Protein backbone atom coordinates (compact mmCIF):
# COMPACT_ATOMS: atom_id res chain seq x y z
CA MET A 1 -47.91 -26.04 -12.82
CA LYS A 2 -45.25 -25.86 -15.62
CA ALA A 3 -45.99 -22.27 -16.16
CA LEU A 4 -45.96 -21.44 -12.61
CA THR A 5 -42.58 -23.09 -12.09
CA VAL A 6 -41.11 -20.99 -15.02
CA ALA A 7 -42.64 -17.85 -13.62
CA LEU A 8 -41.15 -18.38 -10.10
CA MET A 9 -37.84 -19.25 -11.40
CA THR A 10 -37.91 -16.12 -13.34
CA CYS A 11 -38.80 -14.17 -10.30
CA ILE A 12 -36.09 -15.68 -8.10
CA ALA A 13 -33.50 -15.02 -10.89
CA THR A 14 -34.65 -11.31 -11.05
CA SER A 15 -34.74 -10.99 -7.38
CA CYS A 16 -31.17 -12.33 -7.12
CA THR A 17 -29.94 -9.89 -9.80
CA GLN A 18 -31.56 -6.99 -7.99
CA LYS A 19 -29.99 -7.90 -4.78
CA MET A 20 -26.55 -8.18 -6.19
CA PRO A 21 -25.73 -5.08 -8.13
CA VAL A 22 -22.36 -4.62 -9.76
CA MET A 23 -20.46 -2.02 -7.92
CA PRO A 24 -18.75 0.51 -10.22
CA ALA A 25 -14.99 0.63 -10.12
CA SER A 26 -13.61 3.65 -8.04
CA SER A 27 -11.62 6.47 -9.59
CA GLY A 28 -8.42 8.15 -8.73
CA LYS A 29 -4.77 7.42 -8.37
CA PRO A 30 -3.00 5.45 -5.35
CA TYR A 31 -2.60 7.70 -2.41
CA GLU A 32 -4.92 10.55 -3.87
CA VAL A 33 -7.61 11.99 -1.56
CA THR A 34 -10.36 14.28 -2.37
CA ILE A 35 -11.43 16.54 0.46
CA VAL A 36 -15.31 17.59 0.21
CA ALA A 37 -15.86 20.81 2.40
CA GLU A 38 -17.74 24.01 2.26
CA ASP A 39 -14.56 26.22 1.63
CA GLU A 40 -10.78 26.10 1.46
CA LYS A 41 -10.57 27.24 5.17
CA GLN A 42 -12.17 23.87 6.12
CA VAL A 43 -9.99 22.10 3.63
CA GLU A 44 -6.77 23.46 5.24
CA CYS A 45 -7.77 21.93 8.64
CA VAL A 46 -7.47 18.43 7.09
CA LYS A 47 -4.96 19.08 4.32
CA ASP A 48 -2.05 19.95 6.89
CA ILE A 49 -2.44 16.30 8.26
CA LEU A 50 -2.71 14.47 4.83
CA THR A 51 0.30 16.30 3.28
CA THR A 52 2.79 15.49 6.22
CA ALA A 53 6.03 14.31 4.64
CA VAL A 54 6.51 10.53 4.25
CA GLU A 55 9.14 9.03 6.62
CA GLY A 56 12.23 7.61 5.04
CA LEU A 57 12.44 9.41 1.63
CA PRO A 58 15.35 11.31 0.34
CA GLN A 59 13.22 14.38 -0.44
CA ASP A 60 9.91 15.47 1.07
CA GLU A 61 6.92 13.83 -0.46
CA PRO A 62 3.29 14.22 1.00
CA ALA A 63 1.64 11.15 2.50
CA PHE A 64 -1.30 11.93 0.19
CA ASP A 65 -1.96 14.05 -2.90
CA VAL A 66 -4.94 16.26 -2.16
CA SER A 67 -7.66 17.86 -4.15
CA PHE A 68 -10.65 19.96 -3.07
CA CYS A 69 -14.29 19.38 -4.05
CA PRO A 70 -16.86 22.00 -2.93
CA THR A 71 -19.70 20.33 -0.95
CA ALA A 72 -22.22 21.58 -3.47
CA ASN A 73 -20.17 19.73 -6.32
CA TYR A 74 -20.00 16.41 -4.63
CA ALA A 75 -22.00 14.36 -6.93
CA ASP A 76 -21.71 12.04 -10.26
CA MET A 77 -18.07 11.08 -10.61
CA ARG A 78 -16.88 12.57 -7.37
CA LEU A 79 -18.90 10.02 -5.60
CA LEU A 80 -16.71 7.35 -7.19
CA ALA A 81 -13.38 8.60 -5.69
CA ARG A 82 -11.49 5.94 -3.98
CA ASN A 83 -10.34 8.00 -0.98
CA THR A 84 -12.63 10.76 0.24
CA VAL A 85 -12.71 12.79 3.49
CA VAL A 86 -16.04 14.74 3.97
CA VAL A 87 -15.97 17.62 6.34
CA ASP A 88 -19.37 18.30 7.86
CA ILE A 89 -19.50 21.54 10.04
CA ASN A 90 -22.94 22.04 11.72
CA PRO A 91 -23.14 23.82 15.36
CA ARG A 92 -26.61 22.65 15.67
CA THR A 93 -25.84 19.05 15.10
CA TYR A 94 -22.38 18.62 16.64
CA SER A 95 -20.94 19.64 19.97
CA LYS A 96 -17.57 18.10 19.36
CA VAL A 97 -15.32 16.64 16.70
CA SER A 98 -16.01 13.16 15.70
CA MET A 99 -14.85 10.94 12.89
CA HIS A 100 -16.35 7.84 11.19
CA TYR A 101 -15.93 5.91 7.94
CA ARG A 102 -17.71 3.87 5.31
CA ARG A 103 -16.27 1.37 2.74
CA ASN A 104 -17.45 0.73 -0.79
CA GLN A 105 -20.56 3.00 -0.53
CA HIS A 106 -20.73 4.25 -4.13
CA ALA A 107 -17.88 2.29 -5.77
CA ALA A 108 -15.35 -0.35 -4.95
CA PRO A 109 -12.67 -0.14 -3.61
CA GLN A 110 -13.39 3.00 -1.67
CA ILE A 111 -13.33 4.60 1.67
CA ILE A 112 -15.35 7.79 2.85
CA VAL A 113 -14.21 9.18 6.06
CA THR A 114 -16.45 11.91 7.48
CA ILE A 115 -15.34 14.29 9.97
CA ASN A 116 -18.10 16.15 11.99
CA ALA A 117 -17.53 19.47 13.94
CA PRO A 118 -19.53 22.35 15.41
CA SER A 119 -17.21 24.95 13.86
CA THR A 120 -14.08 25.39 11.61
CA THR A 121 -12.19 26.82 14.69
CA MET A 122 -12.81 23.66 16.70
CA LEU A 123 -11.97 21.35 13.69
CA SER A 124 -8.73 23.24 13.26
CA ASN A 125 -7.74 23.16 16.96
CA THR A 126 -8.59 19.49 17.20
CA MET A 127 -6.80 18.24 14.14
CA ARG A 128 -3.70 20.32 15.01
CA SER A 129 -3.64 19.65 18.74
CA ASN A 130 -5.04 16.21 19.18
CA THR A 131 -2.64 14.06 17.33
CA ASN A 132 -4.81 11.01 17.81
CA TYR A 133 -7.30 12.34 15.11
CA GLY A 134 -4.47 12.94 12.65
CA ARG A 135 -2.91 9.53 13.26
CA GLN A 136 -6.14 7.72 12.97
CA LEU A 137 -6.98 9.43 9.75
CA ILE A 138 -3.57 8.64 8.24
CA LYS A 139 -3.82 5.16 9.47
CA LEU A 140 -7.05 4.46 8.04
CA LEU A 141 -6.32 5.84 4.48
CA ASN A 142 -2.93 3.91 4.34
CA ALA A 143 -4.64 0.68 5.55
CA HIS A 144 -7.14 1.11 2.81
CA GLU A 145 -4.45 1.64 0.09
CA ARG A 146 -2.43 -1.23 1.51
CA ASN A 147 -5.47 -3.61 1.34
CA ILE A 148 -5.96 -2.48 -2.45
CA GLN A 149 -2.23 -3.26 -3.14
CA LYS A 150 -2.51 -6.65 -1.38
CA GLN A 151 -5.64 -7.55 -3.33
CA GLN A 152 -3.92 -6.71 -6.59
CA LEU A 153 -0.68 -8.72 -5.68
CA LYS A 154 -3.01 -11.65 -5.08
CA LYS A 155 -4.51 -11.57 -8.38
CA ARG A 156 -1.21 -11.06 -10.18
CA HIS A 157 2.16 -12.16 -8.74
CA ASN A 158 5.35 -14.07 -9.56
CA THR A 159 4.71 -17.46 -8.31
CA LYS A 160 8.22 -18.60 -9.80
CA ALA A 161 10.08 -16.21 -7.67
CA GLU A 162 7.96 -16.93 -4.52
CA LYS A 163 8.84 -20.79 -4.89
CA THR A 164 12.51 -19.89 -5.06
CA ILE A 165 12.28 -17.83 -1.94
CA ASP A 166 10.28 -20.57 -0.09
CA THR A 167 12.91 -23.07 -1.07
CA MET A 168 15.77 -21.01 -0.19
CA PHE A 169 14.67 -19.28 2.96
CA GLY A 170 11.74 -20.99 4.27
CA ILE A 171 9.30 -18.14 4.08
CA ARG A 172 6.45 -17.26 1.85
CA MET A 173 5.60 -13.78 0.25
CA LEU A 174 3.97 -12.20 -2.63
CA ILE A 175 6.18 -10.81 -5.36
CA PRO A 176 5.17 -8.33 -7.89
CA ALA A 177 4.65 -10.00 -11.28
CA ASP A 178 6.94 -7.62 -13.23
CA MET A 179 9.91 -8.49 -10.86
CA THR A 180 11.14 -11.17 -13.27
CA ALA A 181 15.05 -10.20 -13.31
CA SER A 182 17.05 -12.02 -10.65
CA LYS A 183 20.36 -12.83 -9.43
CA ARG A 184 21.03 -15.72 -7.00
CA SER A 185 24.02 -16.72 -4.82
CA LYS A 186 24.70 -18.50 -1.51
CA ASP A 187 21.99 -17.31 1.00
CA PHE A 188 21.17 -14.25 -1.18
CA LEU A 189 18.31 -13.64 -3.90
CA TRP A 190 18.03 -10.25 -5.77
CA LEU A 191 14.88 -9.60 -7.60
CA SER A 192 14.24 -6.59 -9.78
CA ASN A 193 11.66 -5.27 -12.39
CA ASN A 194 14.79 -3.86 -14.14
CA ALA A 195 12.90 -0.84 -15.27
CA ALA A 196 14.64 2.06 -17.14
CA THR A 197 12.76 4.58 -14.85
CA GLY A 198 11.64 3.71 -11.39
CA MET A 199 13.56 0.52 -10.73
CA MET A 200 12.05 -1.54 -7.70
CA ASN A 201 14.16 -4.45 -6.11
CA ILE A 202 13.92 -6.87 -3.31
CA CYS A 203 16.82 -8.65 -1.68
CA VAL A 204 16.30 -11.59 0.40
CA MET A 205 19.29 -12.61 2.70
CA GLY A 206 19.91 -15.51 4.94
CA ASP A 207 21.88 -13.25 7.20
CA GLU A 208 20.97 -10.03 9.21
CA HIS A 209 24.34 -8.37 8.54
CA THR A 210 22.91 -6.27 5.65
CA ASP A 211 25.82 -4.33 4.54
CA SER A 212 28.24 -7.20 4.23
CA MET A 213 25.57 -9.07 2.23
CA LEU A 214 24.87 -6.05 -0.08
CA ARG A 215 28.71 -5.44 -0.48
CA ALA A 216 29.11 -8.89 -1.80
CA ASN A 217 26.19 -9.23 -4.18
CA VAL A 218 24.91 -5.79 -5.21
CA LYS A 219 27.80 -4.24 -7.22
CA GLY A 220 28.23 -1.39 -9.59
CA GLU A 221 30.51 -1.37 -12.57
CA THR A 222 33.51 -2.49 -10.60
CA ASP A 223 34.10 -4.32 -7.51
CA LEU A 224 35.01 -1.14 -5.81
CA MET A 225 31.40 0.03 -6.40
CA TYR A 226 28.81 -1.58 -4.00
CA MET A 227 25.50 -0.95 -2.23
CA ARG A 228 25.37 0.04 1.44
CA THR A 229 22.85 1.42 3.84
CA VAL A 230 23.43 4.96 5.50
CA LYS A 231 23.26 4.22 9.08
CA ALA A 232 22.30 7.55 10.28
CA SER A 233 19.18 7.57 8.38
CA ILE A 234 17.77 4.23 9.59
CA ARG A 235 14.63 4.31 11.76
CA SER A 236 12.57 1.38 12.99
CA ASN A 237 8.99 1.08 14.17
CA GLY A 238 9.45 -2.19 15.67
CA GLU A 239 8.24 -4.08 12.53
CA MET A 240 10.00 -2.48 9.67
CA GLU A 241 13.22 -0.38 9.18
CA ARG A 242 13.19 2.62 6.86
CA GLY A 243 16.04 4.45 5.56
CA LEU A 244 18.41 5.44 2.76
CA TRP A 245 20.97 3.44 0.62
CA GLU A 246 23.88 4.59 -1.39
CA MET A 247 26.43 3.31 -3.87
CA GLU A 248 30.00 3.34 -2.81
CA GLY A 249 32.13 4.79 -5.48
CA ASP A 250 29.06 6.18 -7.44
CA ALA A 251 26.34 8.80 -7.18
CA MET A 252 23.59 6.31 -6.95
CA GLY A 253 21.27 6.13 -3.98
CA GLY A 254 17.56 6.21 -2.84
CA PRO A 255 15.15 4.74 -0.05
CA PHE A 256 14.79 1.28 1.45
CA VAL A 257 12.53 -0.40 3.67
CA ALA A 258 13.50 -3.86 5.37
CA ARG A 259 11.94 -6.53 7.69
CA THR A 260 13.71 -9.32 9.50
CA VAL A 261 11.93 -12.58 10.35
CA TYR A 262 13.29 -16.00 11.81
CA ASP A 263 13.55 -19.12 9.73
CA SER A 264 12.81 -21.91 12.04
CA LEU A 265 13.61 -24.45 9.32
CA HIS A 266 17.27 -23.27 8.99
CA ASN A 267 17.55 -21.73 12.41
CA ARG A 268 18.57 -18.28 11.35
CA PRO A 269 17.18 -14.82 10.86
CA ILE A 270 16.13 -13.76 7.21
CA LYS A 271 16.31 -10.18 6.16
CA VAL A 272 14.18 -8.89 3.33
CA LEU A 273 15.12 -5.48 1.93
CA GLY A 274 13.25 -3.49 -0.82
CA PHE A 275 14.75 -0.68 -2.34
CA VAL A 276 14.02 1.94 -5.17
CA TYR A 277 16.35 3.72 -7.58
CA ALA A 278 14.29 6.47 -9.20
CA PRO A 279 16.43 9.59 -9.37
CA GLU A 280 14.20 11.09 -12.03
CA THR A 281 10.73 10.54 -10.22
CA THR A 282 9.00 10.46 -7.01
CA LYS A 283 9.29 7.57 -4.94
CA ARG A 284 6.33 7.40 -2.24
CA ASN A 285 3.93 5.07 -4.17
CA LYS A 286 6.85 2.65 -5.23
CA MET A 287 8.05 2.43 -1.48
CA LYS A 288 4.42 1.91 -0.30
CA LEU A 289 4.19 -1.07 -2.54
CA LEU A 290 7.39 -2.48 -1.25
CA GLU A 291 6.08 -2.07 2.26
CA THR A 292 3.08 -3.98 1.29
CA VAL A 293 5.15 -6.61 -0.15
CA LEU A 294 7.05 -6.98 3.00
CA SER A 295 3.91 -7.18 5.15
CA THR A 296 2.79 -10.38 3.18
CA ILE A 297 5.84 -12.27 4.52
CA ASP A 298 4.73 -15.56 6.22
CA LYS A 299 7.04 -17.90 8.02
CA ASN A 300 6.67 -21.66 7.30
């Protein structure tokens, strides 16, 4: 009986181990997509959608960085890519264009989107003329990247800054761990990673009059130098505003994203604005991270 018990426990342990394999980590950088297709003509049908310029940046930057992998080479390390779009052209199998996706099939985190079509011509016409497919593809990939960023924020974030925001403004949100520099005044909190290159900032204000708050609290070398938004550049999708900022009296500037929520505790609107100063480099990924941060805002 004792031997049987040990054998049974070993069997159960082995079974559990076999049913719960460790998923390998996916490879690739944020907002990087591998397109798997037979040839470059098929790639171009999808690449045009994925390289659409990101809204709200001072210079054109593509929504995603795209690389091409021939179908015959889609094996081994390519299977571990975090974002993959597979183009499958087969006139015998498909009569129309369709799209579906799978998560964490070969690695984690990972999304594999498969686009089926009977011909390259129909794929091209559909992806260019039917904007629903393009929007759905962009939405899927952006949501996947945002979810990765949220999970990383949950694992590593600045709890001290988050408590200060909760106390001052009655809202909860996740703040990147490297945003340790801060400036605080009445109804205003400025957080920054204070990086020498690619500086990221978050301003939380107890007033929706953005420019007056920025003028009073975000200054340059003198009081005559202050931050303001460029009104003509601002666009809103109903949840967030995007646009450009500039420094009055100086050549500094860059993109920003903002969100307004209502603080019922103090009976006032709260404006949260994230902005980047990175004249020497691209800004897409940094702005995408700030958008994710703003999406974590939760009112008490």
